[in-house]
C-alpha atoms as a PDB file:
ATOM      1  CA  MET A   1      -0.292  -0.040   0.211  1.00  0.00           C
ATOM      2  CA  ALA A   2       1.289   3.508  -0.925  1.00  0.00           C
ATOM      3  CA  GLN A   3       1.976   5.555   2.058  1.00  0.00           C
ATOM      4  CA  VAL A   4      -0.813   7.895   2.678  1.00  0.00           C
ATOM      5  CA  PHE A   5       1.347  10.840   3.788  1.00  0.00           C
ATOM      6  CA  PRO A   6       4.766  12.549   2.607  1.00  0.00           C
ATOM      7  CA  ARG A   7       8.138  12.562   5.328  1.00  0.00           C
ATOM      8  CA  ARG A   8       7.869  15.929   5.600  1.00  0.00           C
ATOM      9  CA  ALA A   9       4.557  15.360   7.547  1.00  0.00           C
ATOM     10  CA  ASN A  10       5.883  14.127  10.527  1.00  0.00           C
ATOM     11  CA  VAL A  11       8.084  17.756  10.087  1.00  0.00           C
ATOM     12  CA  LEU A  12       4.810  19.715  10.336  1.00  0.00           C
ATOM     13  CA  ALA A  13       2.999  17.492  12.628  1.00  0.00           C
ATOM     14  CA  ARG A  14       6.088  17.949  15.331  1.00  0.00           C
ATOM     15  CA  ALA A  15       5.974  21.850  14.282  1.00  0.00           C
ATOM     16  CA  GLY A  16       2.406  22.523  14.838  1.00  0.00           C
ATOM     17  CA  LEU A  17       1.897  20.992  18.089  1.00  0.00           C
ATOM     18  CA  SER A  18       5.062  22.481  19.044  1.00  0.00           C
ATOM     19  CA  GLY A  19       3.599  25.936  17.906  1.00  0.00           C
ATOM     20  CA  GLY A  20       0.326  25.365  19.391  1.00  0.00           C
ATOM     21  CA  ILE A  21       2.060  24.963  22.986  1.00  0.00           C
ATOM     22  CA  GLY A  22       4.002  28.102  22.240  1.00  0.00           C
ATOM     23  CA  VAL A  23       1.485  30.232  21.716  1.00  0.00           C
ATOM     24  CA  VAL A  24      -0.429  28.825  24.917  1.00  0.00           C
ATOM     25  CA  LEU A  25       2.156  29.129  27.102  1.00  0.00           C
ATOM     26  CA  ILE A  26       2.593  32.758  25.668  1.00  0.00           C
ATOM     27  CA  LEU A  27      -1.044  33.514  26.164  1.00  0.00           C
ATOM     28  CA  SER A  28      -0.583  32.663  29.619  1.00  0.00           C
ATOM     29  CA  ALA A  29       2.016  34.368  29.977  1.00  0.00           C
ATOM     30  CA  LEU A  30       0.574  37.339  28.453  1.00  0.00           C
ATOM     31  CA  TYR A  31      -2.398  36.922  30.873  1.00  0.00           C
ATOM     32  CA  TRP A  32      -0.346  36.131  34.148  1.00  0.00           C
ATOM     33  CA  VAL A  33       1.271  39.751  33.733  1.00  0.00           C
ATOM     34  CA  TYR A  34      -2.041  41.522  32.774  1.00  0.00           C
ATOM     35  CA  LEU A  35      -3.842  40.556  35.791  1.00  0.00           C
ATOM     36  CA  ARG A  36      -1.245  42.464  37.742  1.00  0.00           C
ATOM     37  CA  THR A  37      -1.615  45.576  35.622  1.00  0.00           C
ATOM     38  CA  PRO A  38      -3.490  48.494  37.054  1.00  0.00           C
ATOM     39  CA  ALA A  39      -5.832  48.165  34.319  1.00  0.00           C
ATOM     40  CA  PHE A  40      -7.044  44.560  35.467  1.00  0.00           C
ATOM     41  CA  THR A  41      -6.649  45.421  39.576  1.00  0.00           C
ATOM     42  CA  GLY A  42      -7.507  49.360  39.287  1.00  0.00           C
ATOM     43  CA  VAL A  43      -4.848  50.410  40.978  1.00  0.00           C
ATOM     44  CA  GLY A  44      -4.055  54.166  41.045  1.00  0.00           C
ATOM     45  CA  GLN A  45      -7.492  54.345  39.019  1.00  0.00           C
ATOM     46  CA  PRO A  46     -10.083  57.279  40.654  1.00  0.00           C
ATOM     47  CA  VAL A  47     -13.270  55.981  41.697  1.00  0.00           C
ATOM     48  CA  ALA A  48     -15.640  58.911  41.337  1.00  0.00           C
ATOM     49  CA  GLN A  49     -18.134  59.510  44.220  1.00  0.00           C
ATOM     50  CA  PRO A  50     -21.727  60.907  44.457  1.00  0.00           C
ATOM     51  CA  VAL A  51     -19.716  64.385  46.437  1.00  0.00           C
ATOM     52  CA  PRO A  52     -15.973  65.067  45.542  1.00  0.00           C
ATOM     53  CA  PHE A  53     -14.338  64.240  48.713  1.00  0.00           C
ATOM     54  CA  SER A  54     -10.525  65.253  48.973  1.00  0.00           C
ATOM     55  CA  HIS A  55      -8.741  63.163  51.074  1.00  0.00           C
ATOM     56  CA  GLU A  56      -5.529  65.417  51.030  1.00  0.00           C
ATOM     57  CA  ILE A  57      -7.787  68.556  51.752  1.00  0.00           C
ATOM     58  CA  HIS A  58      -9.214  66.668  54.870  1.00  0.00           C
ATOM     59  CA  ALA A  59      -5.964  64.274  56.263  1.00  0.00           C
ATOM     60  CA  LYS A  60      -3.240  66.575  54.626  1.00  0.00           C
ATOM     61  CA  GLU A  61      -5.054  70.538  54.938  1.00  0.00           C
ATOM     62  CA  LEU A  62      -7.157  70.093  57.572  1.00  0.00           C
ATOM     63  CA  GLY A  63      -5.228  67.430  59.767  1.00  0.00           C
ATOM     64  CA  ILE A  64      -8.078  65.104  60.512  1.00  0.00           C
ATOM     65  CA  ASP A  65      -7.475  61.885  61.918  1.00  0.00           C
ATOM     66  CA  CYS A  66      -8.388  58.833  60.244  1.00  0.00           C
ATOM     67  CA  ARG A  67     -10.570  57.854  62.843  1.00  0.00           C
ATOM     68  CA  TYR A  68     -12.623  60.629  62.813  1.00  0.00           C
ATOM     69  CA  CYS A  69     -14.181  59.198  59.887  1.00  0.00           C
ATOM     70  CA  HIS A  70     -13.211  55.911  60.372  1.00  0.00           C
ATOM     71  CA  THR A  71     -14.453  55.311  63.856  1.00  0.00           C
ATOM     72  CA  THR A  72     -14.504  51.337  64.168  1.00  0.00           C
ATOM     73  CA  VAL A  73     -11.268  50.952  62.596  1.00  0.00           C
ATOM     74  CA  GLU A  74      -9.153  49.824  65.874  1.00  0.00           C
ATOM     75  CA  THR A  75     -12.415  48.100  67.141  1.00  0.00           C
ATOM     76  CA  SER A  76     -13.728  46.087  63.752  1.00  0.00           C
ATOM     77  CA  ALA A  77     -12.975  44.139  60.748  1.00  0.00           C
ATOM     78  CA  PHE A  78     -14.215  46.947  59.014  1.00  0.00           C
ATOM     79  CA  ALA A  79     -13.395  50.579  59.384  1.00  0.00           C
ATOM     80  CA  GLY A  80     -16.448  51.831  59.039  1.00  0.00           C
ATOM     81  CA  MET A  81     -17.954  54.780  56.469  1.00  0.00           C
ATOM     82  CA  PRO A  82     -18.386  58.001  58.257  1.00  0.00           C
ATOM     83  CA  ASP A  83     -22.530  58.922  58.549  1.00  0.00           C
ATOM     84  CA  THR A  84     -23.619  62.048  56.885  1.00  0.00           C
ATOM     85  CA  LYS A  85     -24.010  63.594  60.682  1.00  0.00           C
ATOM     86  CA  THR A  86     -20.252  63.201  60.949  1.00  0.00           C
ATOM     87  CA  CYS A  87     -19.798  65.321  57.907  1.00  0.00           C
ATOM     88  CA  MET A  88     -22.047  67.744  58.864  1.00  0.00           C
ATOM     89  CA  ASN A  89     -20.340  68.012  61.820  1.00  0.00           C
ATOM     90  CA  CYS A  90     -17.925  70.691  60.162  1.00  0.00           C
ATOM     91  CA  HIS A  91     -19.803  71.622  56.972  1.00  0.00           C
ATOM     92  CA  SER A  92     -23.182  72.811  59.405  1.00  0.00           C
ATOM     93  CA  VAL A  93     -21.057  76.031  58.917  1.00  0.00           C
ATOM     94  CA  VAL A  94     -18.324  75.344  56.324  1.00  0.00           C
ATOM     95  CA  LEU A  95     -19.187  75.688  52.695  1.00  0.00           C
ATOM     96  CA  THR A  96     -22.925  75.261  53.626  1.00  0.00           C
ATOM     97  CA  GLN A  97     -24.411  76.683  50.684  1.00  0.00           C
ATOM     98  CA  ASP A  98     -21.570  74.785  48.290  1.00  0.00           C
ATOM     99  CA  PRO A  99     -23.323  73.035  45.725  1.00  0.00           C
ATOM    100  CA  ARG A 100     -20.934  69.669  45.759  1.00  0.00           C
ATOM    101  CA  LEU A 101     -22.359  69.586  48.856  1.00  0.00           C
ATOM    102  CA  ALA A 102     -25.529  69.329  48.203  1.00  0.00           C
ATOM    103  CA  PRO A 103     -25.898  65.322  48.696  1.00  0.00           C
ATOM    104  CA  VAL A 104     -24.312  65.938  51.630  1.00  0.00           C
ATOM    105  CA  ARG A 105     -27.180  68.251  53.267  1.00  0.00           C
ATOM    106  CA  GLU A 106     -30.041  65.955  51.295  1.00  0.00           C
ATOM    107  CA  SER A 107     -28.635  63.085  53.198  1.00  0.00           C
ATOM    108  CA  PHE A 108     -28.632  65.204  56.654  1.00  0.00           C
ATOM    109  CA  GLN A 109     -32.403  66.556  55.926  1.00  0.00           C
ATOM    110  CA  THR A 110     -33.483  63.094  55.193  1.00  0.00           C
ATOM    111  CA  GLY A 111     -31.754  60.246  56.877  1.00  0.00           C
ATOM    112  CA  LYS A 112     -30.945  58.607  53.484  1.00  0.00           C
ATOM    113  CA  ALA A 113     -27.305  57.556  53.249  1.00  0.00           C
ATOM    114  CA  ILE A 114     -24.804  58.495  50.507  1.00  0.00           C
ATOM    115  CA  GLN A 115     -24.023  55.651  48.426  1.00  0.00           C
ATOM    116  CA  TRP A 116     -20.752  56.181  47.979  1.00  0.00           C
ATOM    117  CA  ASN A 117     -18.934  53.914  45.218  1.00  0.00           C
ATOM    118  CA  THR A 118     -16.322  50.780  47.097  1.00  0.00           C
ATOM    119  CA  VAL A 119     -12.671  51.555  45.883  1.00  0.00           C
ATOM    120  CA  ASN A 120     -11.626  48.648  47.565  1.00  0.00           C
ATOM    121  CA  ASP A 121     -13.375  45.522  47.445  1.00  0.00           C
ATOM    122  CA  LEU A 122     -12.384  42.358  48.860  1.00  0.00           C
ATOM    123  CA  PRO A 123     -13.683  38.712  47.526  1.00  0.00           C
ATOM    124  CA  ASP A 124     -16.863  37.353  49.530  1.00  0.00           C
ATOM    125  CA  TYR A 125     -14.576  34.019  50.042  1.00  0.00           C
ATOM    126  CA  VAL A 126     -11.655  36.396  51.974  1.00  0.00           C
ATOM    127  CA  TYR A 127     -12.005  38.085  55.489  1.00  0.00           C
ATOM    128  CA  PHE A 128      -9.802  40.952  56.588  1.00  0.00           C
ATOM    129  CA  ASP A 129     -10.011  42.247  59.739  1.00  0.00           C
ATOM    130  CA  HIS A 130      -8.875  46.246  60.427  1.00  0.00           C
ATOM    131  CA  SER A 131      -8.469  45.707  63.553  1.00  0.00           C
ATOM    132  CA  ALA A 132      -6.239  42.871  63.899  1.00  0.00           C
ATOM    133  CA  HIS A 133      -3.585  44.436  61.760  1.00  0.00           C
ATOM    134  CA  ILE A 134      -3.825  48.306  63.035  1.00  0.00           C
ATOM    135  CA  ASN A 135      -3.349  46.788  66.600  1.00  0.00           C
ATOM    136  CA  LYS A 136      -0.182  44.770  65.617  1.00  0.00           C
ATOM    137  CA  GLY A 137       1.548  47.745  63.824  1.00  0.00           C
ATOM    138  CA  ILE A 138       0.147  47.879  60.230  1.00  0.00           C
ATOM    139  CA  GLY A 139      -0.166  51.482  59.468  1.00  0.00           C
ATOM    140  CA  CYS A 140      -2.742  52.721  57.324  1.00  0.00           C
ATOM    141  CA  SER A 141      -0.692  53.593  53.988  1.00  0.00           C
ATOM    142  CA  SER A 142       0.964  50.021  53.917  1.00  0.00           C
ATOM    143  CA  CYS A 143      -2.516  48.806  52.193  1.00  0.00           C
ATOM    144  CA  HIS A 144      -3.911  52.024  51.064  1.00  0.00           C
ATOM    145  CA  GLY A 145      -1.406  54.187  49.811  1.00  0.00           C
ATOM    146  CA  ALA A 146      -0.633  58.226  50.484  1.00  0.00           C
ATOM    147  CA  VAL A 147      -4.060  58.717  51.036  1.00  0.00           C
ATOM    148  CA  ASP A 148      -3.642  62.488  52.128  1.00  0.00           C
ATOM    149  CA  GLN A 149      -1.912  63.190  48.696  1.00  0.00           C
ATOM    150  CA  GLU A 150      -5.421  61.990  46.740  1.00  0.00           C
ATOM    151  CA  THR A 151      -8.259  64.610  45.658  1.00  0.00           C
ATOM    152  CA  THR A 152     -10.190  61.825  44.513  1.00  0.00           C
ATOM    153  CA  MET A 153      -9.620  58.118  46.268  1.00  0.00           C
ATOM    154  CA  THR A 154      -7.933  55.253  44.269  1.00  0.00           C
ATOM    155  CA  LYS A 155      -6.950  51.978  45.266  1.00  0.00           C
ATOM    156  CA  GLY A 156      -3.627  52.007  46.776  1.00  0.00           C
ATOM    157  CA  ALA A 157      -2.645  48.575  46.519  1.00  0.00           C
ATOM    158  CA  SER A 158      -3.887  45.291  44.392  1.00  0.00           C
ATOM    159  CA  LEU A 159      -5.063  43.173  47.669  1.00  0.00           C
ATOM    160  CA  GLN A 160      -4.626  40.500  45.433  1.00  0.00           C
ATOM    161  CA  MET A 161      -3.206  37.498  47.434  1.00  0.00           C
ATOM    162  CA  GLY A 162       0.512  37.639  46.511  1.00  0.00           C
ATOM    163  CA  PHE A 163       0.461  40.989  48.118  1.00  0.00           C
ATOM    164  CA  CYS A 164      -0.978  39.535  51.681  1.00  0.00           C
ATOM    165  CA  ILE A 165       1.033  36.780  51.814  1.00  0.00           C
ATOM    166  CA  ASN A 166       4.833  39.089  50.880  1.00  0.00           C
ATOM    167  CA  CYS A 167       3.759  41.130  53.868  1.00  0.00           C
ATOM    168  CA  HIS A 168       2.385  37.762  56.064  1.00  0.00           C
ATOM    169  CA  THR A 169       5.804  36.382  55.024  1.00  0.00           C
ATOM    170  CA  HIS A 170       7.912  39.271  56.196  1.00  0.00           C
ATOM    171  CA  PRO A 171       5.861  41.186  58.736  1.00  0.00           C
ATOM    172  CA  GLU A 172       8.912  42.947  60.225  1.00  0.00           C
ATOM    173  CA  GLN A 173       9.200  45.023  56.752  1.00  0.00           C
ATOM    174  CA  GLN A 174       5.835  46.686  57.217  1.00  0.00           C
ATOM    175  CA  ILE A 175       5.157  47.180  60.972  1.00  0.00           C
ATOM    176  CA  ARG A 176       5.885  50.607  62.561  1.00  0.00           C
ATOM    177  CA  PRO A 177       4.883  52.007  66.380  1.00  0.00           C
ATOM    178  CA  GLN A 178       1.533  52.299  67.922  1.00  0.00           C
ATOM    179  CA  ASP A 179       2.049  55.747  67.581  1.00  0.00           C
ATOM    180  CA  GLN A 180       2.998  55.789  64.013  1.00  0.00           C
ATOM    181  CA  ILE A 181      -0.024  54.120  62.585  1.00  0.00           C
ATOM    182  CA  PHE A 182      -1.891  56.547  61.568  1.00  0.00           C
ATOM    183  CA  ASN A 183       0.622  58.722  60.034  1.00  0.00           C
ATOM    184  CA  MET A 184       0.903  59.346  56.392  1.00  0.00           C
ATOM    185  CA  GLU A 185       4.737  60.557  56.147  1.00  0.00           C
ATOM    186  CA  TRP A 186       5.791  57.528  58.124  1.00  0.00           C
ATOM    187  CA  GLN A 187       8.821  55.962  56.352  1.00  0.00           C
ATOM    188  CA  PRO A 188      10.662  52.659  57.285  1.00  0.00           C
ATOM    189  CA  PRO A 189      13.864  54.056  58.997  1.00  0.00           C
ATOM    190  CA  ALA A 190      17.286  51.637  57.624  1.00  0.00           C
ATOM    191  CA  ASN A 191      17.411  49.186  59.727  1.00  0.00           C
ATOM    192  CA  GLN A 192      13.199  48.468  59.230  1.00  0.00           C
ATOM    193  CA  THR A 193      14.137  44.660  59.712  1.00  0.00           C
ATOM    194  CA  VAL A 194      15.890  44.984  62.814  1.00  0.00           C
ATOM    195  CA  VAL A 195      13.076  47.152  64.294  1.00  0.00           C
ATOM    196  CA  GLY A 196      10.267  45.351  62.932  1.00  0.00           C
ATOM    197  CA  ALA A 197      11.724  42.020  64.603  1.00  0.00           C
ATOM    198  CA  GLN A 198      11.435  43.767  68.299  1.00  0.00           C
ATOM    199  CA  LEU A 199       8.054  45.452  67.649  1.00  0.00           C
ATOM    200  CA  MET A 200       6.672  41.990  66.379  1.00  0.00           C
ATOM    201  CA  GLN A 201       8.424  40.412  70.092  1.00  0.00           C
ATOM    202  CA  ALA A 202       6.470  43.593  71.463  1.00  0.00           C
ATOM    203  CA  ASP A 203       2.990  43.233  70.451  1.00  0.00           C
ATOM    204  CA  HIS A 204       3.297  39.494  70.335  1.00  0.00           C
ATOM    205  CA  VAL A 205       2.952  39.197  66.191  1.00  0.00           C
ATOM    206  CA  GLN A 206       2.382  35.985  64.738  1.00  0.00           C
ATOM    207  CA  SER A 207       3.428  35.470  60.994  1.00  0.00           C
ATOM    208  CA  LYS A 208       0.299  33.390  59.890  1.00  0.00           C
ATOM    209  CA  LEU A 209       0.310  31.646  56.872  1.00  0.00           C
ATOM    210  CA  SER A 210      -2.265  28.821  57.111  1.00  0.00           C
ATOM    211  CA  CYS A 211      -4.932  29.414  54.515  1.00  0.00           C
ATOM    212  CA  SER A 212      -7.965  29.501  57.152  1.00  0.00           C
ATOM    213  CA  VAL A 213      -6.825  32.559  58.284  1.00  0.00           C
ATOM    214  CA  CYS A 214      -8.100  34.492  55.530  1.00  0.00           C
ATOM    215  CA  HIS A 215     -10.410  32.319  54.055  1.00  0.00           C
ATOM    216  CA  ARG A 216     -12.858  31.333  56.183  1.00  0.00           C
END
């Protein structure tokens, strides 16, 4: 019986198979890279809000402490969002007729909460406790970035699993003194690894890497 395929068919088959595998590997690598770009993670992308709130004005220029608005950050898993009454503590006498603050005044009068757009949104299968991190020496800027320099809130870090694992693996690189937790201008000293290790011991910080710590 005559040979159906010429010998070169074997070469073409191998080349096609190798090429197909190569394309799959390249596309997988490109997708892996894409998953870590701001286009996917949203890092640094401004999130429009119903009221143009500027952290730069409130936190930096006016020096308002994070805890004035985010009242439960030290005691709860959630940092908390301020109700309209908190805003009106100042804006009942400051910028009282500013049209940009009309939603705030309306919310205060009607009792209907303002629907803020989420900036940092973890998946439902991820558990994160703000109070646990704050009370163990992790500052706001470690995850949220230089919030005091933002006129419109952006996502400061990807908050992907790798980001969290890096910190949980080497917490001494991020831990700061308790009186610097809410200091947005804090910078780690040259001997941060040594100082961080000392703070870990003093604050009884445990480097937890078990899956069940975050996935519950």
